[in-house]
């Protein structure tokens, strides 16, 4: 494997890296110094990584891997192949050293001579997810960026163990004490215009400002738009989603028809991978339908007698005419969990 340093030789202004102007006091290390190093790329052993269904993480930070140790099945020219999924054939039974990063562009800058590119299998996997803005190309069709923040947002409920939580690339994940606005907001969300006269739907204005968002914004819009990963507990996210849906029906004057577009807009972000997968298998669902006393179906196909409920839904007598799955159950069956 190529011995490539993670330390830049000079700054953007041509100042040598050992210049006193660039020295950082060693007695006050930043709590995010490791997260910053991961962005550029650090060398690890494969056993150091947590292998997840959706990818890998290191010290709770989502990463991709490259620079696999040379072996008969992994030759030197494959150093620059970036791998996104543990299901990639190149990683089958792999043991040894590799490099990990959480920022495609930063890793490319540190390893310019290696021309880092996603391997073809992993690139097909990314395309299959159908996530807007995840993969960017130049006019020649060459991948110029993989937005790891968008990737982590999409799979946040699988990557991060704690909630409520906030993560921005280059920083360590942080537990959030006050996710929502402490007061009953008297305003509408500046993005979707939902206006709900209760608590538990509007994001904490300080957290919104830190995430580069308008201060008056609902949780669902914040989940999808922040240049950070914002995760609520499953219960809190589902409540905010149902409140938003109720506001939407009031705006429309009636309940929306079955629609994948509506589902994508109003379900919690943690449901989006399942929604994308189901789009290839089934027709559009109704959302947030009460199918029995105290049983709310997040996704429902009444004509087919099928419904998907949240994992934390309490046991109750389910209608005999329905086949009902819990979210985690159907995700496992579809290879998402």
Protein backbone atom coordinates (compact mmCIF):
# COMPACT_ATOMS: atom_id res chain seq x y z
CA UNK A 1 0.00 0.00 0.00
CA UNK A 2 1.20 3.46 -0.75
CA UNK A 3 2.62 5.37 2.16
CA UNK A 4 0.77 8.66 1.84
CA UNK A 5 0.81 11.23 4.61
CA UNK A 6 -2.40 12.76 5.90
CA UNK A 7 -0.62 16.00 6.70
CA UNK A 8 -0.75 18.73 4.03
CA UNK A 9 2.63 20.11 3.04
CA UNK A 10 1.46 23.70 3.05
CA UNK A 11 -1.56 25.86 3.63
CA UNK A 12 -3.72 27.39 0.91
CA UNK A 13 -1.64 30.56 1.22
CA UNK A 14 1.71 28.86 0.71
CA UNK A 15 2.78 29.02 4.38
CA UNK A 16 4.89 25.98 5.35
CA UNK A 17 3.09 23.56 7.63
CA UNK A 18 5.73 23.99 10.34
CA UNK A 19 5.35 27.76 10.40
CA UNK A 20 4.70 29.20 13.90
CA UNK A 21 1.58 30.82 12.44
CA UNK A 22 0.01 27.39 12.05
CA UNK A 23 1.01 25.93 15.40
CA UNK A 24 -1.88 24.80 17.61
CA UNK A 25 -1.29 24.69 21.38
CA UNK A 26 -0.94 21.06 22.39
CA UNK A 27 -2.26 21.64 25.89
CA UNK A 28 -5.75 22.55 24.62
CA UNK A 29 -6.70 19.90 22.08
CA UNK A 30 -10.01 20.35 20.31
CA UNK A 31 -12.66 17.79 21.18
CA UNK A 32 -13.27 17.59 17.43
CA UNK A 33 -9.64 17.01 16.42
CA UNK A 34 -10.26 13.30 15.77
CA UNK A 35 -13.40 14.06 13.75
CA UNK A 36 -11.43 16.55 11.66
CA UNK A 37 -8.71 13.96 11.05
CA UNK A 38 -11.32 11.39 9.98
CA UNK A 39 -12.60 13.84 7.36
CA UNK A 40 -9.22 13.88 5.63
CA UNK A 41 -8.56 10.17 6.15
CA UNK A 42 -6.92 8.04 8.80
CA UNK A 43 -5.35 4.58 8.61
CA UNK A 44 -7.06 1.85 10.61
CA UNK A 45 -7.43 -1.88 10.79
CA UNK A 46 -10.69 -3.23 9.39
CA UNK A 47 -11.48 -4.62 12.84
CA UNK A 48 -11.53 -1.04 14.20
CA UNK A 49 -14.69 -0.27 12.23
CA UNK A 50 -18.28 -0.96 13.18
CA UNK A 51 -19.80 -2.74 10.20
CA UNK A 52 -23.43 -1.75 9.64
CA UNK A 53 -26.03 -2.73 7.07
CA UNK A 54 -25.71 0.68 5.44
CA UNK A 55 -21.94 1.11 5.73
CA UNK A 56 -19.30 1.63 8.42
CA UNK A 57 -18.67 3.97 11.29
CA UNK A 58 -15.60 4.76 13.38
CA UNK A 59 -16.00 6.27 16.84
CA UNK A 60 -19.70 6.84 15.98
CA UNK A 61 -18.80 8.77 12.80
CA UNK A 62 -20.02 7.37 9.43
CA UNK A 63 -17.13 6.64 7.04
CA UNK A 64 -16.29 5.10 3.69
CA UNK A 65 -13.09 3.09 3.18
CA UNK A 66 -10.28 2.94 0.62
CA UNK A 67 -6.58 2.04 0.47
CA UNK A 68 -7.08 -1.64 1.22
CA UNK A 69 -3.91 -3.54 2.09
CA UNK A 70 -2.40 -5.23 -0.97
CA UNK A 71 -3.11 -8.95 -1.31
CA UNK A 72 -3.60 -11.44 -4.17
CA UNK A 73 -7.23 -10.28 -4.41
CA UNK A 74 -6.49 -6.61 -3.72
CA UNK A 75 -3.74 -5.23 -5.92
CA UNK A 76 -1.95 -1.91 -5.66
CA UNK A 77 -4.05 -0.20 -8.35
CA UNK A 78 -7.12 -0.63 -6.14
CA UNK A 79 -5.78 1.78 -3.49
CA UNK A 80 -7.89 4.56 -4.98
CA UNK A 81 -11.14 2.58 -5.02
CA UNK A 82 -13.62 3.96 -2.51
CA UNK A 83 -16.01 1.47 -0.93
CA UNK A 84 -19.34 2.55 0.53
CA UNK A 85 -21.03 -0.73 1.44
CA UNK A 86 -19.79 -3.78 3.38
CA UNK A 87 -21.65 -5.88 0.79
CA UNK A 88 -19.10 -4.88 -1.86
CA UNK A 89 -17.32 -8.02 -3.19
CA UNK A 90 -13.94 -6.34 -2.63
CA UNK A 91 -14.62 -6.39 1.12
CA UNK A 92 -15.73 -10.02 1.29
CA UNK A 93 -13.90 -11.54 4.28
CA UNK A 94 -11.39 -8.68 4.19
CA UNK A 95 -9.00 -8.38 7.12
CA UNK A 96 -6.15 -5.90 7.27
CA UNK A 97 -5.33 -2.22 7.19
CA UNK A 98 -7.20 0.41 5.21
CA UNK A 99 -8.00 4.10 5.22
CA UNK A 100 -11.29 5.62 6.30
CA UNK A 101 -12.76 9.07 5.71
CA UNK A 102 -16.05 10.91 6.15
CA UNK A 103 -15.47 13.53 3.46
CA UNK A 104 -14.99 12.58 -0.20
CA UNK A 105 -13.59 15.95 -1.31
CA UNK A 106 -11.23 16.27 1.67
CA UNK A 107 -9.83 12.77 1.12
CA UNK A 108 -9.29 13.51 -2.59
CA UNK A 109 -7.24 16.59 -1.70
CA UNK A 110 -5.05 14.65 0.72
CA UNK A 111 -4.49 11.77 -1.73
CA UNK A 112 -4.39 13.60 -5.10
CA UNK A 113 -2.02 11.16 -6.83
CA UNK A 114 -4.28 8.20 -6.02
CA UNK A 115 -7.30 9.61 -7.90
CA UNK A 116 -9.86 8.33 -5.41
CA UNK A 117 -13.01 7.07 -7.11
CA UNK A 118 -15.94 4.91 -5.96
CA UNK A 119 -15.67 1.31 -7.09
CA UNK A 120 -18.23 0.38 -9.74
CA UNK A 121 -20.17 -1.96 -7.44
CA UNK A 122 -20.48 0.67 -4.70
CA UNK A 123 -21.41 3.34 -7.22
CA UNK A 124 -24.26 1.17 -8.53
CA UNK A 125 -25.37 0.74 -4.92
CA UNK A 126 -25.44 4.52 -4.42
CA UNK A 127 -27.46 5.02 -7.59
CA UNK A 128 -29.95 2.37 -6.47
CA UNK A 129 -30.71 4.42 -3.34
CA UNK A 130 -32.07 7.22 -5.54
CA UNK A 131 -31.09 9.93 -3.04
CA UNK A 132 -31.19 13.46 -4.56
CA UNK A 133 -27.87 15.32 -4.58
CA UNK A 134 -25.94 12.37 -3.08
CA UNK A 135 -23.65 11.84 -6.10
CA UNK A 136 -22.37 14.79 -8.13
CA UNK A 137 -20.65 14.55 -11.53
CA UNK A 138 -18.84 16.86 -13.90
CA UNK A 139 -19.86 17.30 -17.54
CA UNK A 140 -17.72 14.32 -18.52
CA UNK A 141 -19.63 12.02 -16.17
CA UNK A 142 -16.82 11.73 -13.61
CA UNK A 143 -17.93 11.60 -9.98
CA UNK A 144 -16.71 14.79 -8.33
CA UNK A 145 -18.31 14.41 -4.92
CA UNK A 146 -20.30 12.07 -2.71
CA UNK A 147 -22.06 14.13 -0.08
CA UNK A 148 -21.44 12.08 3.04
CA UNK A 149 -23.67 14.31 5.11
CA UNK A 150 -26.64 13.45 2.90
CA UNK A 151 -25.72 9.77 3.08
CA UNK A 152 -25.51 9.91 6.89
CA UNK A 153 -28.80 11.82 7.11
CA UNK A 154 -30.55 9.17 5.04
CA UNK A 155 -29.32 6.32 7.25
CA UNK A 156 -29.06 8.28 10.51
CA UNK A 157 -31.33 5.97 12.50
CA UNK A 158 -29.05 3.02 11.64
CA UNK A 159 -25.73 4.83 12.07
CA UNK A 160 -26.25 6.72 15.32
CA UNK A 161 -27.27 4.97 18.53
CA UNK A 162 -28.37 7.94 20.61
CA UNK A 163 -31.03 10.63 20.23
CA UNK A 164 -31.85 13.39 20.14
CA UNK A 165 -28.52 13.98 18.41
CA UNK A 166 -26.71 16.50 16.21
CA UNK A 167 -23.80 15.71 13.87
CA UNK A 168 -21.91 17.90 11.43
CA UNK A 169 -18.99 16.53 9.43
CA UNK A 170 -15.68 17.42 11.06
CA UNK A 171 -17.29 17.32 14.51
CA UNK A 172 -18.17 14.58 16.95
CA UNK A 173 -21.84 13.60 17.31
CA UNK A 174 -23.43 15.51 20.18
CA UNK A 175 -26.43 14.72 22.35
CA UNK A 176 -29.04 17.49 22.17
CA UNK A 177 -30.79 18.60 25.34
CA UNK A 178 -33.45 20.82 23.78
CA UNK A 179 -34.44 19.69 20.30
CA UNK A 180 -37.71 21.60 20.06
CA UNK A 181 -38.74 25.18 20.65
CA UNK A 182 -39.47 25.47 24.37
CA UNK A 183 -42.62 27.52 23.76
CA UNK A 184 -45.78 26.82 21.77
CA UNK A 185 -44.77 28.52 18.51
CA UNK A 186 -47.11 31.18 17.18
CA UNK A 187 -45.66 31.04 13.67
CA UNK A 188 -45.80 28.80 10.59
CA UNK A 189 -42.80 26.84 9.34
CA UNK A 190 -40.99 29.08 6.87
CA UNK A 191 -40.51 26.12 4.47
CA UNK A 192 -43.72 24.04 4.42
CA UNK A 193 -46.01 26.62 6.08
CA UNK A 194 -47.36 24.14 8.63
CA UNK A 195 -48.80 26.00 11.60
CA UNK A 196 -49.60 23.96 14.69
CA UNK A 197 -50.70 25.47 17.98
CA UNK A 198 -48.87 23.03 20.20
CA UNK A 199 -45.33 22.05 21.13
CA UNK A 200 -43.09 19.31 19.77
CA UNK A 201 -42.91 20.26 16.09
CA UNK A 202 -40.80 23.42 15.73
CA UNK A 203 -37.01 23.08 15.95
CA UNK A 204 -35.11 24.90 18.69
CA UNK A 205 -34.21 28.26 17.04
CA UNK A 206 -30.62 28.09 18.33
CA UNK A 207 -30.14 24.66 16.79
CA UNK A 208 -31.75 25.87 13.56
CA UNK A 209 -29.39 28.83 13.35
CA UNK A 210 -26.37 26.59 14.03
CA UNK A 211 -27.52 24.32 11.19
CA UNK A 212 -27.82 27.15 8.68
CA UNK A 213 -31.61 27.02 8.73
CA UNK A 214 -34.34 29.63 9.21
CA UNK A 215 -35.20 30.02 12.88
CA UNK A 216 -38.86 29.26 12.21
CA UNK A 217 -38.78 25.72 10.86
CA UNK A 218 -40.45 22.40 11.66
CA UNK A 219 -38.51 19.25 12.52
CA UNK A 220 -39.31 17.48 9.24
CA UNK A 221 -38.05 20.32 7.06
CA UNK A 222 -34.98 20.64 9.30
CA UNK A 223 -34.20 16.91 8.98
CA UNK A 224 -34.15 17.23 5.21
CA UNK A 225 -32.43 20.61 4.76
CA UNK A 226 -29.82 21.08 7.49
CA UNK A 227 -26.12 20.90 6.63
CA UNK A 228 -26.01 18.58 9.60
CA UNK A 229 -27.74 15.43 10.80
CA UNK A 230 -30.53 16.16 13.27
CA UNK A 231 -32.15 13.12 14.89
CA UNK A 232 -35.16 13.08 17.17
CA UNK A 233 -36.35 10.04 19.09
CA UNK A 234 -38.65 7.81 16.98
CA UNK A 235 -41.64 8.80 19.12
CA UNK A 236 -40.93 12.55 18.89
CA UNK A 237 -40.26 12.38 15.14
CA UNK A 238 -43.48 10.47 14.50
CA UNK A 239 -45.53 12.93 16.56
CA UNK A 240 -44.01 15.89 14.67
CA UNK A 241 -44.77 14.11 11.39
CA UNK A 242 -48.42 13.46 12.26
CA UNK A 243 -48.83 17.08 13.36
CA UNK A 244 -47.39 18.25 10.06
CA UNK A 245 -49.71 15.92 8.15
CA UNK A 246 -52.73 17.27 10.02
CA UNK A 247 -51.63 20.80 9.12
CA UNK A 248 -51.22 19.76 5.48
CA UNK A 249 -54.75 18.32 5.31
CA UNK A 250 -56.11 21.59 6.72
CA UNK A 251 -54.21 23.55 4.06
CA UNK A 252 -55.58 21.32 1.31
CA UNK A 253 -59.09 21.23 2.74
CA UNK A 254 -59.27 17.44 2.48
CA UNK A 255 -57.16 14.33 3.03
CA UNK A 256 -54.61 13.81 0.23
CA UNK A 257 -54.95 10.88 -2.14
CA UNK A 258 -52.51 7.97 -1.93
CA UNK A 259 -49.17 9.34 -3.13
CA UNK A 260 -45.49 8.54 -2.81
CA UNK A 261 -44.72 12.27 -3.08
CA UNK A 262 -46.90 12.99 -0.04
CA UNK A 263 -45.33 10.08 1.85
CA UNK A 264 -41.83 11.38 1.15
CA UNK A 265 -42.80 14.82 2.43
CA UNK A 266 -44.53 13.88 5.66
CA UNK A 267 -42.96 10.71 7.11
CA UNK A 268 -40.03 11.10 9.53
CA UNK A 269 -36.63 11.06 7.80
CA UNK A 270 -35.87 7.66 9.37
CA UNK A 271 -38.64 6.19 7.19
CA UNK A 272 -37.22 7.45 3.88
CA UNK A 273 -34.99 4.42 3.06
CA UNK A 274 -38.04 2.17 3.48
CA UNK A 275 -40.20 4.49 1.36
CA UNK A 276 -37.62 4.50 -1.45
CA UNK A 277 -37.42 0.71 -1.41
CA UNK A 278 -41.20 0.22 -1.37
CA UNK A 279 -41.61 2.60 -4.33
CA UNK A 280 -40.03 -0.07 -6.53
CA UNK A 281 -42.35 -2.79 -5.22
CA UNK A 282 -45.80 -1.35 -4.55
CA UNK A 283 -48.27 1.32 -5.53
CA UNK A 284 -48.58 4.58 -3.57
CA UNK A 285 -49.83 4.40 0.04
CA UNK A 286 -52.10 6.43 2.24
CA UNK A 287 -50.29 7.84 5.26
CA UNK A 288 -51.19 8.09 8.95
CA UNK A 289 -54.35 6.00 8.84
CA UNK A 290 -56.01 4.71 12.02
CA UNK A 291 -56.72 1.05 11.24
CA UNK A 292 -57.84 0.00 14.74
CA UNK A 293 -58.33 1.67 18.13
CA UNK A 294 -54.94 3.14 19.15
CA UNK A 295 -53.22 1.67 16.06
CA UNK A 296 -51.82 4.20 13.60
CA UNK A 297 -50.51 2.91 10.28
CA UNK A 298 -47.73 5.17 9.03
CA UNK A 299 -48.03 3.64 5.54
CA UNK A 300 -51.24 1.93 4.49
CA UNK A 301 -52.72 0.26 1.41
CA UNK A 302 -56.43 -0.14 2.36
CA UNK A 303 -57.46 -1.84 -0.89
CA UNK A 304 -54.73 -4.44 -0.43
CA UNK A 305 -55.24 -4.81 3.33
CA UNK A 306 -51.60 -4.02 4.11
CA UNK A 307 -50.14 -1.59 6.62
CA UNK A 308 -46.82 -0.71 8.27
CA UNK A 309 -46.78 0.57 11.84
CA UNK A 310 -44.05 2.07 14.02
CA UNK A 311 -41.90 -0.26 16.08
CA UNK A 312 -43.04 1.30 19.36
CA UNK A 313 -46.78 0.86 18.64
CA UNK A 314 -48.31 -0.90 21.64
CA UNK A 315 -49.83 -4.31 21.14
CA UNK A 316 -53.51 -4.06 20.32
CA UNK A 317 -56.17 -6.03 18.53
CA UNK A 318 -55.38 -5.61 14.86
CA UNK A 319 -58.09 -5.75 12.20
CA UNK A 320 -58.31 -9.22 10.65
CA UNK A 321 -58.58 -7.79 7.16
CA UNK A 322 -55.06 -6.29 7.41
CA UNK A 323 -51.60 -7.78 7.12
CA UNK A 324 -49.55 -5.56 9.43
CA UNK A 325 -45.76 -5.23 9.65
CA UNK A 326 -43.70 -3.28 12.11
CA UNK A 327 -41.10 -1.00 10.55
CA UNK A 328 -38.07 -3.02 11.68
CA UNK A 329 -39.67 -6.26 10.51
CA UNK A 330 -40.29 -5.11 6.94
CA UNK A 331 -36.87 -3.42 6.79
CA UNK A 332 -35.20 -6.73 7.64
CA UNK A 333 -37.24 -8.54 5.01
CA UNK A 334 -36.17 -5.98 2.41
CA UNK A 335 -32.49 -6.04 3.43
CA UNK A 336 -32.52 -2.58 4.99
CA UNK A 337 -32.16 -3.56 8.63
